Amino acid sequence: MKLKEFRRKKDWTLAHFASLLSIDKSTLCNYEKGRRFPRSATIKKIEAVTNREVRLSDLLEKKN
């Protein structure tokens, strides 16, 4: 599942989700848009916070 899809499913704002990941909301926005790729520590946080609903393979998929 994509980050944005997960966030919307949970009805979380960018700011809330970013705070759970201890990152800036603009950074999360860039991850969602595929402009930046998270570091390994952030990937681990994403997997933990999303209960592995968002995985590394989801982050690697190309955007349409």
N, C-alpha and C. Protein backbone atom coordinates (compact mmCIF):
# COMPACT_ATOMS: atom_id res chain seq x y z
N MET A 1 0.85 -1.17 0.00
CA MET A 1 0.00 0.00 0.00
C MET A 1 0.90 1.24 0.00
N LYS A 2 0.53 2.22 -0.76
CA LYS A 2 1.27 3.48 -0.84
C LYS A 2 1.09 4.30 0.44
N LEU A 3 2.05 5.16 0.71
CA LEU A 3 1.98 6.01 1.91
C LEU A 3 0.72 6.86 1.94
N LYS A 4 0.44 7.55 0.85
CA LYS A 4 -0.71 8.44 0.81
C LYS A 4 -2.02 7.66 0.98
N GLU A 5 -2.08 6.51 0.34
CA GLU A 5 -3.26 5.64 0.44
C GLU A 5 -3.46 5.22 1.90
N PHE A 6 -2.39 4.81 2.56
CA PHE A 6 -2.48 4.41 3.97
C PHE A 6 -2.94 5.58 4.83
N ARG A 7 -2.31 6.75 4.62
CA ARG A 7 -2.64 7.94 5.42
C ARG A 7 -4.10 8.31 5.26
N ARG A 8 -4.59 8.28 4.04
CA ARG A 8 -6.00 8.62 3.81
C ARG A 8 -6.94 7.59 4.42
N LYS A 9 -6.55 6.32 4.35
CA LYS A 9 -7.36 5.26 4.95
C LYS A 9 -7.53 5.51 6.45
N LYS A 10 -6.47 5.98 7.08
CA LYS A 10 -6.50 6.26 8.52
C LYS A 10 -7.09 7.63 8.83
N ASP A 11 -7.33 8.44 7.80
CA ASP A 11 -7.84 9.80 7.95
C ASP A 11 -6.87 10.66 8.77
N TRP A 12 -5.56 10.48 8.47
CA TRP A 12 -4.51 11.24 9.12
C TRP A 12 -4.08 12.39 8.23
N THR A 13 -3.74 13.50 8.84
CA THR A 13 -3.16 14.61 8.09
C THR A 13 -1.68 14.31 7.84
N LEU A 14 -1.11 15.06 6.91
CA LEU A 14 0.33 14.94 6.68
C LEU A 14 1.09 15.23 7.97
N ALA A 15 0.67 16.27 8.67
CA ALA A 15 1.35 16.67 9.90
C ALA A 15 1.31 15.57 10.96
N HIS A 16 0.16 14.93 11.12
CA HIS A 16 0.04 13.87 12.12
C HIS A 16 0.91 12.67 11.77
N PHE A 17 0.82 12.21 10.53
CA PHE A 17 1.60 11.06 10.10
C PHE A 17 3.09 11.37 10.20
N ALA A 18 3.49 12.55 9.77
CA ALA A 18 4.90 12.95 9.83
C ALA A 18 5.38 12.98 11.28
N SER A 19 4.54 13.45 12.19
CA SER A 19 4.96 13.50 13.60
C SER A 19 5.16 12.09 14.16
N LEU A 20 4.34 11.14 13.72
CA LEU A 20 4.52 9.75 14.16
C LEU A 20 5.83 9.17 13.66
N LEU A 21 6.28 9.66 12.51
CA LEU A 21 7.53 9.19 11.91
C LEU A 21 8.73 10.03 12.32
N SER A 22 8.48 11.10 13.08
CA SER A 22 9.53 12.04 13.51
C SER A 22 10.24 12.68 12.33
N ILE A 23 9.44 13.08 11.32
CA ILE A 23 9.98 13.78 10.16
C ILE A 23 9.11 15.00 9.88
N ASP A 24 9.59 15.89 9.05
CA ASP A 24 8.84 17.08 8.66
C ASP A 24 7.75 16.69 7.67
N LYS A 25 6.62 17.41 7.72
CA LYS A 25 5.53 17.06 6.81
C LYS A 25 5.90 17.27 5.34
N SER A 26 6.79 18.22 5.06
CA SER A 26 7.22 18.41 3.66
C SER A 26 8.04 17.22 3.18
N THR A 27 8.79 16.61 4.07
CA THR A 27 9.56 15.41 3.73
C THR A 27 8.61 14.27 3.41
N LEU A 28 7.59 14.09 4.23
CA LEU A 28 6.60 13.05 3.98
C LEU A 28 5.90 13.29 2.65
N CYS A 29 5.56 14.52 2.38
CA CYS A 29 4.91 14.87 1.11
C CYS A 29 5.80 14.45 -0.06
N ASN A 30 7.10 14.72 0.05
CA ASN A 30 8.03 14.32 -1.01
C ASN A 30 8.11 12.81 -1.15
N TYR A 31 8.02 12.08 -0.05
CA TYR A 31 7.99 10.62 -0.13
C TYR A 31 6.73 10.16 -0.86
N GLU A 32 5.59 10.75 -0.49
CA GLU A 32 4.32 10.37 -1.12
C GLU A 32 4.32 10.64 -2.62
N LYS A 33 4.98 11.71 -3.03
CA LYS A 33 5.00 12.08 -4.45
C LYS A 33 6.14 11.42 -5.21
N GLY A 34 6.98 10.65 -4.52
CA GLY A 34 8.08 9.97 -5.17
C GLY A 34 9.25 10.86 -5.52
N ARG A 35 9.31 12.03 -4.91
CA ARG A 35 10.41 12.97 -5.17
C ARG A 35 11.65 12.65 -4.35
N ARG A 36 11.44 12.02 -3.21
CA ARG A 36 12.53 11.63 -2.33
C ARG A 36 12.29 10.21 -1.86
N PHE A 37 13.36 9.57 -1.43
CA PHE A 37 13.27 8.22 -0.92
C PHE A 37 13.76 8.21 0.53
N PRO A 38 13.01 7.58 1.43
CA PRO A 38 13.42 7.59 2.84
C PRO A 38 14.67 6.76 3.10
N ARG A 39 15.40 7.18 4.11
CA ARG A 39 16.56 6.41 4.58
C ARG A 39 16.08 5.15 5.28
N SER A 40 17.00 4.23 5.50
CA SER A 40 16.62 2.93 6.08
C SER A 40 15.97 3.07 7.45
N ALA A 41 16.44 3.98 8.28
CA ALA A 41 15.83 4.16 9.60
C ALA A 41 14.38 4.64 9.47
N THR A 42 14.12 5.51 8.51
CA THR A 42 12.76 6.00 8.29
C THR A 42 11.88 4.90 7.70
N ILE A 43 12.44 4.08 6.84
CA ILE A 43 11.68 2.96 6.29
C ILE A 43 11.24 2.03 7.41
N LYS A 44 12.12 1.78 8.35
CA LYS A 44 11.77 0.93 9.50
C LYS A 44 10.65 1.56 10.32
N LYS A 45 10.70 2.89 10.50
CA LYS A 45 9.64 3.58 11.23
C LYS A 45 8.32 3.48 10.47
N ILE A 46 8.38 3.67 9.16
CA ILE A 46 7.16 3.58 8.33
C ILE A 46 6.54 2.20 8.49
N GLU A 47 7.36 1.17 8.38
CA GLU A 47 6.84 -0.19 8.52
C GLU A 47 6.26 -0.42 9.91
N ALA A 48 6.89 0.14 10.95
CA ALA A 48 6.39 -0.05 12.31
C ALA A 48 5.08 0.71 12.53
N VAL A 49 5.03 1.97 12.12
CA VAL A 49 3.84 2.80 12.34
C VAL A 49 2.65 2.27 11.53
N THR A 50 2.92 1.74 10.35
CA THR A 50 1.83 1.25 9.49
C THR A 50 1.56 -0.24 9.70
N ASN A 51 2.22 -0.82 10.70
CA ASN A 51 2.06 -2.25 10.98
C ASN A 51 2.34 -3.07 9.72
N ARG A 52 3.37 -2.63 8.97
CA ARG A 52 3.86 -3.26 7.74
C ARG A 52 2.83 -3.26 6.60
N GLU A 53 1.83 -2.40 6.69
CA GLU A 53 0.91 -2.24 5.55
C GLU A 53 1.60 -1.49 4.42
N VAL A 54 2.59 -0.67 4.77
CA VAL A 54 3.44 0.00 3.78
C VAL A 54 4.82 -0.60 3.94
N ARG A 55 5.35 -1.16 2.86
CA ARG A 55 6.65 -1.83 2.91
C ARG A 55 7.61 -1.18 1.93
N LEU A 56 8.86 -1.60 2.05
CA LEU A 56 9.90 -1.10 1.17
C LEU A 56 9.50 -1.26 -0.30
N SER A 57 8.95 -2.39 -0.65
CA SER A 57 8.56 -2.64 -2.05
C SER A 57 7.50 -1.63 -2.52
N ASP A 58 6.64 -1.19 -1.62
CA ASP A 58 5.63 -0.18 -1.96
C ASP A 58 6.28 1.17 -2.24
N LEU A 59 7.35 1.46 -1.52
CA LEU A 59 8.04 2.73 -1.69
C LEU A 59 8.86 2.75 -2.97
N LEU A 60 9.26 1.57 -3.45
CA LEU A 60 10.09 1.47 -4.64
C LEU A 60 9.30 1.50 -5.94
N GLU A 61 7.98 1.25 -5.88
CA GLU A 61 7.16 1.23 -7.08
C GLU A 61 7.18 2.58 -7.77
N LYS A 62 7.24 2.55 -9.07
CA LYS A 62 7.24 3.80 -9.86
C LYS A 62 5.87 4.44 -9.83
N LYS A 63 5.88 5.76 -9.87
CA LYS A 63 4.64 6.54 -9.94
C LYS A 63 4.16 6.58 -11.37
N ASN A 64 2.86 6.61 -11.55
CA ASN A 64 2.28 6.73 -12.89
C ASN A 64 2.16 8.17 -13.30
